């Protein structure tokens, strides 16, 4: 299972919502969130207040 599959395409998430999803998967959810952004599986706005799944 890919971690990014836990997020719906077309939906915007707050940082708190992203953290809640990732907490159930891995203890260091901040690191996983960073990797999802670095590997372009999730994107976020400049303020870091909205996250969304990147379309391939």
PDB file of N, CA and C in Angstrom:
ATOM      1  N   UNK A   1       0.840  -1.189   0.000  1.00  0.00           N
ATOM      2  CA  UNK A   1       0.000   0.000   0.000  1.00  0.00           C
ATOM      3  C   UNK A   1       0.878   1.243   0.000  1.00  0.00           C
ATOM      4  N   UNK A   2       0.521   2.187  -0.809  1.00  0.00           N
ATOM      5  CA  UNK A   2       1.219   3.460  -0.834  1.00  0.00           C
ATOM      6  C   UNK A   2       0.585   4.397   0.182  1.00  0.00           C
ATOM      7  N   UNK A   3       1.408   5.114   0.892  1.00  0.00           N
ATOM      8  CA  UNK A   3       0.903   6.027   1.919  1.00  0.00           C
ATOM      9  C   UNK A   3      -0.009   7.082   1.317  1.00  0.00           C
ATOM     10  N   UNK A   4       0.330   7.569   0.134  1.00  0.00           N
ATOM     11  CA  UNK A   4      -0.469   8.627  -0.484  1.00  0.00           C
ATOM     12  C   UNK A   4      -1.884   8.164  -0.825  1.00  0.00           C
ATOM     13  N   UNK A   5      -2.115   6.849  -0.883  1.00  0.00           N
ATOM     14  CA  UNK A   5      -3.461   6.334  -1.165  1.00  0.00           C
ATOM     15  C   UNK A   5      -4.433   6.570  -0.005  1.00  0.00           C
ATOM     16  N   UNK A   6      -3.913   7.029   1.118  1.00  0.00           N
ATOM     17  CA  UNK A   6      -4.769   7.352   2.262  1.00  0.00           C
ATOM     18  C   UNK A   6      -5.405   8.730   2.127  1.00  0.00           C
ATOM     19  N   UNK A   7      -5.078   9.437   1.061  1.00  0.00           N
ATOM     20  CA  UNK A   7      -5.606  10.776   0.810  1.00  0.00           C
ATOM     21  C   UNK A   7      -6.405  10.762  -0.482  1.00  0.00           C
ATOM     22  N   UNK A   8      -7.520  11.493  -0.492  1.00  0.00           N
ATOM     23  CA  UNK A   8      -8.385  11.560  -1.665  1.00  0.00           C
ATOM     24  C   UNK A   8      -7.893  12.626  -2.632  1.00  0.00           C
ATOM     25  N   UNK A   9      -7.887  12.274  -3.911  1.00  0.00           N
ATOM     26  CA  UNK A   9      -7.563  13.264  -4.937  1.00  0.00           C
ATOM     27  C   UNK A   9      -8.679  14.292  -4.988  1.00  0.00           C
ATOM     28  N   UNK A  10      -8.304  15.540  -5.209  1.00  0.00           N
ATOM     29  CA  UNK A  10      -9.278  16.610  -5.325  1.00  0.00           C
ATOM     30  C   UNK A  10      -9.737  17.189  -3.998  1.00  0.00           C
ATOM     31  N   UNK A  11      -9.224  16.651  -2.900  1.00  0.00           N
ATOM     32  CA  UNK A  11      -9.595  17.150  -1.580  1.00  0.00           C
ATOM     33  C   UNK A  11      -8.407  17.894  -0.981  1.00  0.00           C
ATOM     34  N   UNK A  12      -8.688  18.990  -0.288  1.00  0.00           N
ATOM     35  CA  UNK A  12      -7.648  19.740   0.406  1.00  0.00           C
ATOM     36  C   UNK A  12      -7.648  19.356   1.874  1.00  0.00           C
ATOM     37  N   UNK A  13      -6.452  19.223   2.426  1.00  0.00           N
ATOM     38  CA  UNK A  13      -6.273  18.839   3.823  1.00  0.00           C
ATOM     39  C   UNK A  13      -5.498  19.912   4.564  1.00  0.00           C
ATOM     40  N   UNK A  14      -5.797  20.070   5.829  1.00  0.00           N
ATOM     41  CA  UNK A  14      -4.976  20.924   6.685  1.00  0.00           C
ATOM     42  C   UNK A  14      -3.761  20.105   7.134  1.00  0.00           C
ATOM     43  N   UNK A  15      -2.762  20.778   7.669  1.00  0.00           N
ATOM     44  CA  UNK A  15      -1.596  20.070   8.184  1.00  0.00           C
ATOM     45  C   UNK A  15      -2.011  19.101   9.293  1.00  0.00           C
ATOM     46  N   UNK A  16      -2.930  19.539  10.134  1.00  0.00           N
ATOM     47  CA  UNK A  16      -3.409  18.694  11.223  1.00  0.00           C
ATOM     48  C   UNK A  16      -4.066  17.420  10.679  1.00  0.00           C
ATOM     49  N   UNK A  17      -4.875  17.551   9.629  1.00  0.00           N
ATOM     50  CA  UNK A  17      -5.522  16.382   9.031  1.00  0.00           C
ATOM     51  C   UNK A  17      -4.500  15.421   8.426  1.00  0.00           C
ATOM     52  N   UNK A  18      -3.498  15.966   7.759  1.00  0.00           N
ATOM     53  CA  UNK A  18      -2.438  15.131   7.191  1.00  0.00           C
ATOM     54  C   UNK A  18      -1.727  14.387   8.317  1.00  0.00           C
ATOM     55  N   UNK A  19      -1.394  15.105   9.376  1.00  0.00           N
ATOM     56  CA  UNK A  19      -0.710  14.479  10.511  1.00  0.00           C
ATOM     57  C   UNK A  19      -1.545  13.356  11.121  1.00  0.00           C
ATOM     58  N   UNK A  20      -2.848  13.568  11.244  1.00  0.00           N
ATOM     59  CA  UNK A  20      -3.726  12.548  11.821  1.00  0.00           C
ATOM     60  C   UNK A  20      -3.711  11.262  10.989  1.00  0.00           C
ATOM     61  N   UNK A  21      -3.727  11.402   9.678  1.00  0.00           N
ATOM     62  CA  UNK A  21      -3.664  10.226   8.803  1.00  0.00           C
ATOM     63  C   UNK A  21      -2.312   9.525   8.963  1.00  0.00           C
ATOM     64  N   UNK A  22      -1.248  10.297   8.958  1.00  0.00           N
ATOM     65  CA  UNK A  22       0.093   9.715   8.991  1.00  0.00           C
ATOM     66  C   UNK A  22       0.461   9.130  10.351  1.00  0.00           C
ATOM     67  N   UNK A  23      -0.093   9.665  11.423  1.00  0.00           N
ATOM     68  CA  UNK A  23       0.184   9.152  12.776  1.00  0.00           C
ATOM     69  C   UNK A  23      -0.168   7.683  12.912  1.00  0.00           C
ATOM     70  N   UNK A  24      -1.219   7.269  12.233  1.00  0.00           N
ATOM     71  CA  UNK A  24      -1.663   5.876  12.309  1.00  0.00           C
ATOM     72  C   UNK A  24      -0.752   4.945  11.507  1.00  0.00           C
ATOM     73  N   UNK A  25       0.109   5.512  10.668  1.00  0.00           N
ATOM     74  CA  UNK A  25       0.965   4.713   9.796  1.00  0.00           C
ATOM     75  C   UNK A  25       2.393   4.613  10.331  1.00  0.00           C
ATOM     76  N   UNK A  26       2.895   5.730  10.873  1.00  0.00           N
ATOM     77  CA  UNK A  26       4.302   5.777  11.274  1.00  0.00           C
ATOM     78  C   UNK A  26       4.465   6.789  12.398  1.00  0.00           C
ATOM     79  N   UNK A  27       5.292   6.457  13.376  1.00  0.00           N
ATOM     80  CA  UNK A  27       5.476   7.350  14.528  1.00  0.00           C
ATOM     81  C   UNK A  27       6.037   8.712  14.150  1.00  0.00           C
ATOM     82  N   UNK A  28       7.008   8.732  13.238  1.00  0.00           N
ATOM     83  CA  UNK A  28       7.617  10.002  12.822  1.00  0.00           C
ATOM     84  C   UNK A  28       6.837  10.554  11.623  1.00  0.00           C
ATOM     85  N   UNK A  29       5.602  10.965  11.876  1.00  0.00           N
ATOM     86  CA  UNK A  29       4.716  11.420  10.805  1.00  0.00           C
ATOM     87  C   UNK A  29       5.204  12.699  10.139  1.00  0.00           C
ATOM     88  N   UNK A  30       5.983  13.508  10.855  1.00  0.00           N
ATOM     89  CA  UNK A  30       6.519  14.745  10.262  1.00  0.00           C
ATOM     90  C   UNK A  30       7.502  14.396   9.141  1.00  0.00           C
ATOM     91  N   UNK A  31       8.351  13.394   9.383  1.00  0.00           N
ATOM     92  CA  UNK A  31       9.304  12.963   8.368  1.00  0.00           C
ATOM     93  C   UNK A  31       8.567  12.395   7.148  1.00  0.00           C
ATOM     94  N   UNK A  32       7.551  11.595   7.389  1.00  0.00           N
ATOM     95  CA  UNK A  32       6.793  11.014   6.283  1.00  0.00           C
ATOM     96  C   UNK A  32       6.088  12.107   5.482  1.00  0.00           C
ATOM     97  N   UNK A  33       5.529  13.091   6.167  1.00  0.00           N
ATOM     98  CA  UNK A  33       4.878  14.216   5.470  1.00  0.00           C
ATOM     99  C   UNK A  33       5.878  14.923   4.571  1.00  0.00           C
ATOM    100  N   UNK A  34       7.078  15.167   5.073  1.00  0.00           N
ATOM    101  CA  UNK A  34       8.140  15.817   4.301  1.00  0.00           C
ATOM    102  C   UNK A  34       8.500  14.988   3.081  1.00  0.00           C
ATOM    103  N   UNK A  35       8.645  13.666   3.257  1.00  0.00           N
ATOM    104  CA  UNK A  35       8.965  12.788   2.120  1.00  0.00           C
ATOM    105  C   UNK A  35       7.857  12.808   1.073  1.00  0.00           C
ATOM    106  N   UNK A  36       6.609  12.802   1.499  1.00  0.00           N
ATOM    107  CA  UNK A  36       5.506  12.854   0.540  1.00  0.00           C
ATOM    108  C   UNK A  36       5.573  14.116  -0.311  1.00  0.00           C
ATOM    109  N   UNK A  37       5.979  15.211   0.292  1.00  0.00           N
ATOM    110  CA  UNK A  37       6.116  16.470  -0.448  1.00  0.00           C
ATOM    111  C   UNK A  37       7.365  16.427  -1.324  1.00  0.00           C
ATOM    112  N   UNK A  38       8.495  15.979  -0.759  1.00  0.00           N
ATOM    113  CA  UNK A  38       9.755  15.902  -1.519  1.00  0.00           C
ATOM    114  C   UNK A  38       9.634  15.025  -2.757  1.00  0.00           C
ATOM    115  N   UNK A  39       8.917  13.910  -2.621  1.00  0.00           N
ATOM    116  CA  UNK A  39       8.759  12.980  -3.739  1.00  0.00           C
ATOM    117  C   UNK A  39       7.548  13.305  -4.604  1.00  0.00           C
ATOM    118  N   UNK A  40       6.956  14.470  -4.355  1.00  0.00           N
ATOM    119  CA  UNK A  40       5.859  15.011  -5.162  1.00  0.00           C
ATOM    120  C   UNK A  40       4.626  14.099  -5.210  1.00  0.00           C
ATOM    121  N   UNK A  41       4.342  13.488  -4.070  1.00  0.00           N
ATOM    122  CA  UNK A  41       3.111  12.716  -3.931  1.00  0.00           C
ATOM    123  C   UNK A  41       2.017  13.570  -3.302  1.00  0.00           C
ATOM    124  N   UNK A  42       2.430  14.509  -2.460  1.00  0.00           N
ATOM    125  CA  UNK A  42       1.547  15.537  -1.910  1.00  0.00           C
ATOM    126  C   UNK A  42       2.151  16.893  -2.245  1.00  0.00           C
ATOM    127  N   UNK A  43       1.301  17.865  -2.371  1.00  0.00           N
ATOM    128  CA  UNK A  43       1.749  19.242  -2.569  1.00  0.00           C
ATOM    129  C   UNK A  43       1.149  20.088  -1.460  1.00  0.00           C
ATOM    130  N   UNK A  44       1.705  21.281  -1.265  1.00  0.00           N
ATOM    131  CA  UNK A  44       1.147  22.200  -0.270  1.00  0.00           C
ATOM    132  C   UNK A  44       1.332  23.621  -0.748  1.00  0.00           C
ATOM    133  N   UNK A  45       0.505  24.501  -0.211  1.00  0.00           N
ATOM    134  CA  UNK A  45       0.654  25.911  -0.559  1.00  0.00           C
ATOM    135  C   UNK A  45       1.844  26.495   0.216  1.00  0.00           C
ATOM    136  N   UNK A  46       2.254  27.696  -0.153  1.00  0.00           N
ATOM    137  CA  UNK A  46       3.435  28.315   0.469  1.00  0.00           C
ATOM    138  C   UNK A  46       3.294  28.513   1.965  1.00  0.00           C
ATOM    139  N   UNK A  47       2.076  28.738   2.413  1.00  0.00           N
ATOM    140  CA  UNK A  47       1.827  28.963   3.836  1.00  0.00           C
ATOM    141  C   UNK A  47       1.819  27.661   4.636  1.00  0.00           C
ATOM    142  N   UNK A  48       1.731  26.521   3.940  1.00  0.00           N
ATOM    143  CA  UNK A  48       1.673  25.239   4.618  1.00  0.00           C
ATOM    144  C   UNK A  48       0.340  24.958   5.280  1.00  0.00           C
ATOM    145  N   UNK A  49      -0.704  25.623   4.792  1.00  0.00           N
ATOM    146  CA  UNK A  49      -2.025  25.445   5.395  1.00  0.00           C
ATOM    147  C   UNK A  49      -2.938  24.519   4.608  1.00  0.00           C
ATOM    148  N   UNK A  50      -2.582  24.215   3.350  1.00  0.00           N
ATOM    149  CA  UNK A  50      -3.390  23.324   2.516  1.00  0.00           C
ATOM    150  C   UNK A  50      -2.493  22.312   1.829  1.00  0.00           C
ATOM    151  N   UNK A  51      -2.916  21.065   1.907  1.00  0.00           N
ATOM    152  CA  UNK A  51      -2.190  19.956   1.281  1.00  0.00           C
ATOM    153  C   UNK A  51      -3.150  19.231   0.348  1.00  0.00           C
ATOM    154  N   UNK A  52      -2.624  18.640  -0.743  1.00  0.00           N
ATOM    155  CA  UNK A  52      -3.448  17.894  -1.668  1.00  0.00           C
ATOM    156  C   UNK A  52      -2.590  16.877  -2.410  1.00  0.00           C
ATOM    157  N   UNK A  53      -3.254  15.858  -2.963  1.00  0.00           N
ATOM    158  CA  UNK A  53      -2.580  14.810  -3.728  1.00  0.00           C
ATOM    159  C   UNK A  53      -2.203  15.380  -5.082  1.00  0.00           C
ATOM    160  N   UNK A  54      -0.974  15.102  -5.497  1.00  0.00           N
ATOM    161  CA  UNK A  54      -0.480  15.559  -6.794  1.00  0.00           C
ATOM    162  C   UNK A  54      -0.979  14.593  -7.868  1.00  0.00           C
ATOM    163  N   UNK A  55      -1.523  15.136  -8.946  1.00  0.00           N
ATOM    164  CA  UNK A  55      -1.928  14.303 -10.074  1.00  0.00           C
ATOM    165  C   UNK A  55      -0.684  13.854 -10.826  1.00  0.00           C
ATOM    166  N   UNK A  56      -0.631  12.550 -11.157  1.00  0.00           N
ATOM    167  CA  UNK A  56       0.552  12.036 -11.896  1.00  0.00           C
ATOM    168  C   UNK A  56       0.640  12.574 -13.290  1.00  0.00           C
TER     169      UNK A  56
END
